[in-house]
PDB file of N, CA and C in Angstrom:
ATOM      1  N   MET A   1     -88.363  16.190  -7.614  1.00  0.00           N
ATOM      2  CA  MET A   1     -87.017  16.509  -7.013  1.00  0.00           C
ATOM      3  C   MET A   1     -86.319  15.375  -6.132  1.00  0.00           C
ATOM      4  N   GLN A   2     -85.659  15.539  -6.655  1.00  0.00           N
ATOM      5  CA  GLN A   2     -84.525  14.252  -6.466  1.00  0.00           C
ATOM      6  C   GLN A   2     -84.558  14.742  -4.458  1.00  0.00           C
ATOM      7  N   SER A   3     -84.219  13.949  -3.612  1.00  0.00           N
ATOM      8  CA  SER A   3     -84.026  14.429  -2.714  1.00  0.00           C
ATOM      9  C   SER A   3     -82.751  14.023  -2.014  1.00  0.00           C
ATOM     10  N   LEU A   4     -81.531  14.695  -1.342  1.00  0.00           N
ATOM     11  CA  LEU A   4     -80.645  15.001  -1.205  1.00  0.00           C
ATOM     12  C   LEU A   4     -80.577  13.455   0.681  1.00  0.00           C
ATOM     13  N   THR A   5     -79.876  12.937   0.378  1.00  0.00           N
ATOM     14  CA  THR A   5     -79.267  11.917   1.381  1.00  0.00           C
ATOM     15  C   THR A   5     -78.233  12.353   2.480  1.00  0.00           C
ATOM     16  N   THR A   6     -78.398  11.798   3.460  1.00  0.00           N
ATOM     17  CA  THR A   6     -77.300  12.643   4.616  1.00  0.00           C
ATOM     18  C   THR A   6     -75.416  12.509   4.182  1.00  0.00           C
ATOM     19  N   GLU A   7     -75.475  11.471   3.989  1.00  0.00           N
ATOM     20  CA  GLU A   7     -74.672  11.673   3.181  1.00  0.00           C
ATOM     21  C   GLU A   7     -73.910  12.005   2.151  1.00  0.00           C
ATOM     22  N   LYS A   8     -74.642  12.478   1.576  1.00  0.00           N
ATOM     23  CA  LYS A   8     -74.534  13.428   0.334  1.00  0.00           C
ATOM     24  C   LYS A   8     -74.415  14.947   1.131  1.00  0.00           C
ATOM     25  N   MET A   9     -75.409  14.797   1.386  1.00  0.00           N
ATOM     26  CA  MET A   9     -75.389  16.620   2.356  1.00  0.00           C
ATOM     27  C   MET A   9     -74.100  16.308   2.803  1.00  0.00           C
ATOM     28  N   ILE A  10     -73.698  15.673   3.917  1.00  0.00           N
ATOM     29  CA  ILE A  10     -72.341  16.396   4.320  1.00  0.00           C
ATOM     30  C   ILE A  10     -71.301  16.232   3.872  1.00  0.00           C
ATOM     31  N   LEU A  11     -71.644  15.388   2.148  1.00  0.00           N
ATOM     32  CA  LEU A  11     -70.457  15.559   1.661  1.00  0.00           C
ATOM     33  C   LEU A  11     -70.309  16.864   0.570  1.00  0.00           C
ATOM     34  N   ASP A  12     -71.348  17.084   0.857  1.00  0.00           N
ATOM     35  CA  ASP A  12     -70.743  18.648  -0.332  1.00  0.00           C
ATOM     36  C   ASP A  12     -71.098  19.884   1.056  1.00  0.00           C
ATOM     37  N   ARG A  13     -70.818  19.203   1.998  1.00  0.00           N
ATOM     38  CA  ARG A  13     -70.804  21.446   3.280  1.00  0.00           C
ATOM     39  C   ARG A  13     -69.332  20.652   3.254  1.00  0.00           C
ATOM     40  N   PHE A  14     -68.627  19.986   3.504  1.00  0.00           N
ATOM     41  CA  PHE A  14     -67.215  19.716   3.987  1.00  0.00           C
ATOM     42  C   PHE A  14     -66.400  19.099   2.502  1.00  0.00           C
ATOM     43  N   GLY A  15     -67.079  19.292   0.919  1.00  0.00           N
ATOM     44  CA  GLY A  15     -65.752  19.651  -0.389  1.00  0.00           C
ATOM     45  C   GLY A  15     -66.045  17.903  -0.211  1.00  0.00           C
ATOM     46  N   GLY A  16     -66.269  17.234  -0.100  1.00  0.00           N
ATOM     47  CA  GLY A  16     -66.531  15.796  -0.825  1.00  0.00           C
ATOM     48  C   GLY A  16     -65.551  14.992  -0.126  1.00  0.00           C
ATOM     49  N   SER A  17     -64.947  14.929   1.055  1.00  0.00           N
ATOM     50  CA  SER A  17     -63.956  13.913   1.803  1.00  0.00           C
ATOM     51  C   SER A  17     -65.312  13.048   2.802  1.00  0.00           C
ATOM     52  N   PRO A  18     -64.222  11.703   2.269  1.00  0.00           N
ATOM     53  CA  PRO A  18     -65.162  10.675   3.041  1.00  0.00           C
ATOM     54  C   PRO A  18     -64.580  10.579   4.654  1.00  0.00           C
ATOM     55  N   LEU A  19     -63.819  11.724   4.864  1.00  0.00           N
ATOM     56  CA  LEU A  19     -63.682  11.462   6.734  1.00  0.00           C
ATOM     57  C   LEU A  19     -63.503  13.117   7.264  1.00  0.00           C
ATOM     58  N   LEU A  20     -64.813  12.904   8.464  1.00  0.00           N
ATOM     59  CA  LEU A  20     -64.313  14.040   8.601  1.00  0.00           C
ATOM     60  C   LEU A  20     -63.408  14.580  10.383  1.00  0.00           C
ATOM     61  N   SER A  21     -63.092  15.732   9.840  1.00  0.00           N
ATOM     62  CA  SER A  21     -62.237  15.791  11.397  1.00  0.00           C
ATOM     63  C   SER A  21     -63.006  16.189  12.734  1.00  0.00           C
ATOM     64  N   THR A  22     -62.519  15.681  13.898  1.00  0.00           N
ATOM     65  CA  THR A  22     -63.487  16.612  15.286  1.00  0.00           C
ATOM     66  C   THR A  22     -64.141  17.083  15.305  1.00  0.00           C
ATOM     67  N   GLN A  23     -63.119  18.405  14.434  1.00  0.00           N
ATOM     68  CA  GLN A  23     -63.626  20.070  14.395  1.00  0.00           C
ATOM     69  C   GLN A  23     -65.507  19.686  13.502  1.00  0.00           C
ATOM     70  N   GLN A  24     -65.449  19.436  12.370  1.00  0.00           N
ATOM     71  CA  GLN A  24     -66.466  19.229  11.686  1.00  0.00           C
ATOM     72  C   GLN A  24     -67.655  18.478  12.248  1.00  0.00           C
ATOM     73  N   LEU A  25     -67.357  16.905  13.012  1.00  0.00           N
ATOM     74  CA  LEU A  25     -67.951  16.520  13.105  1.00  0.00           C
ATOM     75  C   LEU A  25     -69.135  16.606  14.131  1.00  0.00           C
ATOM     76  N   ALA A  26     -68.234  17.358  15.020  1.00  0.00           N
ATOM     77  CA  ALA A  26     -68.626  18.277  16.447  1.00  0.00           C
ATOM     78  C   ALA A  26     -69.571  19.416  15.386  1.00  0.00           C
ATOM     79  N   GLU A  27     -69.348  20.301  14.972  1.00  0.00           N
ATOM     80  CA  GLU A  27     -70.058  21.151  14.543  1.00  0.00           C
ATOM     81  C   GLU A  27     -71.581  20.753  13.745  1.00  0.00           C
ATOM     82  N   ILE A  28     -71.101  18.870  13.263  1.00  0.00           N
ATOM     83  CA  ILE A  28     -72.866  18.777  12.347  1.00  0.00           C
ATOM     84  C   ILE A  28     -73.714  18.208  13.737  1.00  0.00           C
ATOM     85  N   LEU A  29     -72.678  18.022  14.478  1.00  0.00           N
ATOM     86  CA  LEU A  29     -73.558  17.529  15.884  1.00  0.00           C
ATOM     87  C   LEU A  29     -74.107  18.192  17.376  1.00  0.00           C
ATOM     88  N   HIS A  30     -73.763  19.906  16.887  1.00  0.00           N
ATOM     89  CA  HIS A  30     -73.450  20.497  17.425  1.00  0.00           C
ATOM     90  C   HIS A  30     -73.372  20.840  18.854  1.00  0.00           C
ATOM     91  N   ARG A  31     -71.932  20.448  18.955  1.00  0.00           N
ATOM     92  CA  ARG A  31     -71.612  20.508  20.122  1.00  0.00           C
ATOM     93  C   ARG A  31     -70.080  20.900  19.826  1.00  0.00           C
ATOM     94  N   SER A  32     -69.895  21.186  20.998  1.00  0.00           N
ATOM     95  CA  SER A  32     -68.301  21.440  20.894  1.00  0.00           C
ATOM     96  C   SER A  32     -66.966  20.701  20.797  1.00  0.00           C
ATOM     97  N   PRO A  33     -66.025  20.767  19.739  1.00  0.00           N
ATOM     98  CA  PRO A  33     -65.379  19.820  20.054  1.00  0.00           C
ATOM     99  C   PRO A  33     -64.470  18.926  21.125  1.00  0.00           C
ATOM    100  N   GLU A  34     -64.695  19.563  22.251  1.00  0.00           N
ATOM    101  CA  GLU A  34     -64.070  18.700  23.686  1.00  0.00           C
ATOM    102  C   GLU A  34     -65.082  18.388  24.080  1.00  0.00           C
ATOM    103  N   GLY A  35     -66.822  18.781  23.844  1.00  0.00           N
ATOM    104  CA  GLY A  35     -67.621  18.224  24.452  1.00  0.00           C
ATOM    105  C   GLY A  35     -67.657  16.744  23.694  1.00  0.00           C
ATOM    106  N   LEU A  36     -66.917  16.509  21.656  1.00  0.00           N
ATOM    107  CA  LEU A  36     -67.511  15.935  22.026  1.00  0.00           C
ATOM    108  C   LEU A  36     -66.296  14.699  22.182  1.00  0.00           C
ATOM    109  N   ARG A  37     -64.702  14.802  21.906  1.00  0.00           N
ATOM    110  CA  ARG A  37     -64.361  14.297  22.549  1.00  0.00           C
ATOM    111  C   ARG A  37     -64.220  13.692  23.835  1.00  0.00           C
ATOM    112  N   ILE A  38     -65.511  14.031  25.145  1.00  0.00           N
ATOM    113  CA  ILE A  38     -65.865  14.160  25.926  1.00  0.00           C
ATOM    114  C   ILE A  38     -67.037  13.088  25.949  1.00  0.00           C
ATOM    115  N   THR A  39     -67.439  13.307  25.283  1.00  0.00           N
ATOM    116  CA  THR A  39     -68.410  11.506  24.912  1.00  0.00           C
ATOM    117  C   THR A  39     -68.294  10.432  24.327  1.00  0.00           C
ATOM    118  N   ILE A  40     -67.028  10.995  23.362  1.00  0.00           N
ATOM    119  CA  ILE A  40     -66.434   9.676  22.551  1.00  0.00           C
ATOM    120  C   ILE A  40     -65.944   8.681  23.810  1.00  0.00           C
ATOM    121  N   SER A  41     -65.562   9.236  25.179  1.00  0.00           N
ATOM    122  CA  SER A  41     -64.429   8.876  26.125  1.00  0.00           C
ATOM    123  C   SER A  41     -65.088   8.604  27.021  1.00  0.00           C
ATOM    124  N   GLY A  42     -66.601   8.292  27.161  1.00  0.00           N
ATOM    125  CA  GLY A  42     -67.702   8.071  28.023  1.00  0.00           C
ATOM    126  C   GLY A  42     -68.263   6.216  27.452  1.00  0.00           C
ATOM    127  N   SER A  43     -69.076   6.426  28.397  1.00  0.00           N
ATOM    128  CA  SER A  43     -69.865   4.924  28.279  1.00  0.00           C
ATOM    129  C   SER A  43     -70.466   4.480  27.737  1.00  0.00           C
ATOM    130  N   GLY A  44     -71.697   5.313  27.128  1.00  0.00           N
ATOM    131  CA  GLY A  44     -72.961   5.087  26.631  1.00  0.00           C
ATOM    132  C   GLY A  44     -73.015   4.858  25.311  1.00  0.00           C
ATOM    133  N   ASP A  45     -73.800   4.598  24.611  1.00  0.00           N
ATOM    134  CA  ASP A  45     -74.320   4.079  23.421  1.00  0.00           C
ATOM    135  C   ASP A  45     -74.572   4.792  22.544  1.00  0.00           C
ATOM    136  N   LEU A  46     -74.070   6.102  22.789  1.00  0.00           N
ATOM    137  CA  LEU A  46     -73.545   6.954  21.109  1.00  0.00           C
ATOM    138  C   LEU A  46     -72.315   7.100  21.280  1.00  0.00           C
ATOM    139  N   ALA A  47     -71.722   6.943  22.397  1.00  0.00           N
ATOM    140  CA  ALA A  47     -69.878   6.935  21.893  1.00  0.00           C
ATOM    141  C   ALA A  47     -69.650   5.512  22.038  1.00  0.00           C
ATOM    142  N   GLU A  48     -70.549   4.457  21.602  1.00  0.00           N
ATOM    143  CA  GLU A  48     -69.562   2.915  21.634  1.00  0.00           C
ATOM    144  C   GLU A  48     -70.204   3.413  19.587  1.00  0.00           C
ATOM    145  N   ARG A  49     -71.459   3.865  19.755  1.00  0.00           N
ATOM    146  CA  ARG A  49     -71.377   4.317  17.920  1.00  0.00           C
ATOM    147  C   ARG A  49     -70.432   4.674  17.246  1.00  0.00           C
ATOM    148  N   LEU A  50     -69.868   6.027  18.126  1.00  0.00           N
ATOM    149  CA  LEU A  50     -69.216   6.816  17.058  1.00  0.00           C
ATOM    150  C   LEU A  50     -67.815   6.410  17.279  1.00  0.00           C
ATOM    151  N   ARG A  51     -67.647   5.596  18.341  1.00  0.00           N
ATOM    152  CA  ARG A  51     -66.314   5.176  18.775  1.00  0.00           C
ATOM    153  C   ARG A  51     -65.739   3.464  16.780  1.00  0.00           C
ATOM    154  N   ALA A  52     -67.125   3.723  16.422  1.00  0.00           N
ATOM    155  CA  ALA A  52     -66.950   2.419  15.812  1.00  0.00           C
ATOM    156  C   ALA A  52     -66.767   3.427  13.903  1.00  0.00           C
ATOM    157  N   CYS A  53     -67.444   4.630  14.487  1.00  0.00           N
ATOM    158  CA  CYS A  53     -66.984   5.530  12.990  1.00  0.00           C
ATOM    159  C   CYS A  53     -66.168   5.992  13.243  1.00  0.00           C
ATOM    160  N   LYS A  54     -64.902   5.928  14.082  1.00  0.00           N
ATOM    161  CA  LYS A  54     -63.344   6.870  14.036  1.00  0.00           C
ATOM    162  C   LYS A  54     -62.418   5.324  13.310  1.00  0.00           C
ATOM    163  N   LEU A  55     -61.395   6.490  12.584  1.00  0.00           N
ATOM    164  CA  LEU A  55     -60.551   6.147  12.060  1.00  0.00           C
ATOM    165  C   LEU A  55     -59.194   6.899  12.167  1.00  0.00           C
ATOM    166  N   LYS A  56     -58.022   6.492  12.736  1.00  0.00           N
ATOM    167  CA  LYS A  56     -56.855   7.212  13.266  1.00  0.00           C
ATOM    168  C   LYS A  56     -55.939   6.987  11.752  1.00  0.00           C
ATOM    169  N   ILE A  57     -55.100   8.010  11.854  1.00  0.00           N
ATOM    170  CA  ILE A  57     -54.231   8.044  10.467  1.00  0.00           C
ATOM    171  C   ILE A  57     -53.203   8.889  11.451  1.00  0.00           C
ATOM    172  N   GLY A  58     -52.138   8.608  11.906  1.00  0.00           N
ATOM    173  CA  GLY A  58     -50.922   8.715  12.350  1.00  0.00           C
ATOM    174  C   GLY A  58     -51.667   8.912  13.875  1.00  0.00           C
ATOM    175  N   ARG A  59     -51.305  10.771  13.985  1.00  0.00           N
ATOM    176  CA  ARG A  59     -51.491  10.932  15.415  1.00  0.00           C
ATOM    177  C   ARG A  59     -53.224  11.648  15.209  1.00  0.00           C
ATOM    178  N   ARG A  60     -53.952  12.139  14.019  1.00  0.00           N
ATOM    179  CA  ARG A  60     -55.310  12.611  13.235  1.00  0.00           C
ATOM    180  C   ARG A  60     -56.016  11.910  14.009  1.00  0.00           C
ATOM    181  N   VAL A  61     -57.430  11.542  14.079  1.00  0.00           N
ATOM    182  CA  VAL A  61     -58.288  11.012  14.276  1.00  0.00           C
ATOM    183  C   VAL A  61     -60.019  11.491  13.545  1.00  0.00           C
ATOM    184  N   TYR A  62     -60.159  10.632  12.691  1.00  0.00           N
ATOM    185  CA  TYR A  62     -61.448  10.671  11.405  1.00  0.00           C
ATOM    186  C   TYR A  62     -62.841  10.063  11.821  1.00  0.00           C
ATOM    187  N   PHE A  63     -63.641  10.421  11.544  1.00  0.00           N
ATOM    188  CA  PHE A  63     -64.642   9.904  11.298  1.00  0.00           C
ATOM    189  C   PHE A  63     -64.878   9.341   9.789  1.00  0.00           C
ATOM    190  N   ARG A  64     -65.412   8.630   9.584  1.00  0.00           N
ATOM    191  CA  ARG A  64     -66.088   7.686   7.931  1.00  0.00           C
ATOM    192  C   ARG A  64     -67.985   8.642   8.034  1.00  0.00           C
ATOM    193  N   VAL A  65     -67.765   9.493   7.181  1.00  0.00           N
ATOM    194  CA  VAL A  65     -68.789  10.386   6.923  1.00  0.00           C
ATOM    195  C   VAL A  65     -69.636   9.408   6.305  1.00  0.00           C
ATOM    196  N   ALA A  66     -70.062   8.210   5.557  1.00  0.00           N
ATOM    197  CA  ALA A  66     -70.437   7.467   5.335  1.00  0.00           C
ATOM    198  C   ALA A  66     -71.173   6.495   6.986  1.00  0.00           C
ATOM    199  N   LEU A  67     -70.578   6.196   7.343  1.00  0.00           N
ATOM    200  CA  LEU A  67     -71.087   5.312   8.490  1.00  0.00           C
ATOM    201  C   LEU A  67     -71.803   6.733   9.491  1.00  0.00           C
ATOM    202  N   ILE A  68     -70.942   7.306   9.906  1.00  0.00           N
ATOM    203  CA  ILE A  68     -72.008   8.987  10.681  1.00  0.00           C
ATOM    204  C   ILE A  68     -73.573   9.303  10.056  1.00  0.00           C
ATOM    205  N   ALA A  69     -73.207   9.428   8.538  1.00  0.00           N
ATOM    206  CA  ALA A  69     -74.745   9.388   7.900  1.00  0.00           C
ATOM    207  C   ALA A  69     -75.545   7.937   8.215  1.00  0.00           C
ATOM    208  N   GLN A  70     -75.382   7.026   8.798  1.00  0.00           N
ATOM    209  CA  GLN A  70     -76.082   5.783   9.178  1.00  0.00           C
ATOM    210  C   GLN A  70     -76.090   5.865  10.060  1.00  0.00           C
ATOM    211  N   LEU A  71     -75.864   7.100  11.789  1.00  0.00           N
ATOM    212  CA  LEU A  71     -75.997   6.945  12.374  1.00  0.00           C
ATOM    213  C   LEU A  71     -77.385   8.148  13.251  1.00  0.00           C
ATOM    214  N   ILE A  72     -76.600   8.755  12.195  1.00  0.00           N
ATOM    215  CA  ILE A  72     -77.993  10.177  12.017  1.00  0.00           C
ATOM    216  C   ILE A  72     -78.979   9.565  11.935  1.00  0.00           C
ATOM    217  N   ASP A  73     -79.086   8.721  10.106  1.00  0.00           N
ATOM    218  CA  ASP A  73     -80.035   8.679   9.845  1.00  0.00           C
ATOM    219  C   ASP A  73     -81.139   7.419  11.078  1.00  0.00           C
ATOM    220  N   GLN A  74     -80.736   6.760  11.234  1.00  0.00           N
ATOM    221  CA  GLN A  74     -81.088   5.844  13.189  1.00  0.00           C
ATOM    222  C   GLN A  74     -81.033   6.532  13.777  1.00  0.00           C
ATOM    223  N   ALA A  75     -81.671   7.724  14.319  1.00  0.00           N
ATOM    224  CA  ALA A  75     -81.201   8.097  15.049  1.00  0.00           C
ATOM    225  C   ALA A  75     -82.903   8.974  15.259  1.00  0.00           C
TER     226      ALA A  75
END
């Protein structure tokens, strides 16, 4: 049986979209959306790595699934 990659599991869980909302990312990381926002606005290593995954479209903030999967796999 072929093992699932982290990226594939995230894509399957959230309907195949290559982008995650703040709410969806908070759910994956087991944090509240507000706690995630505070983490991202901080100055730690995790904050920098999450900011690198961020994409703004208009006023909305999304996170790239491929980069989030890499971040999780490296942790």
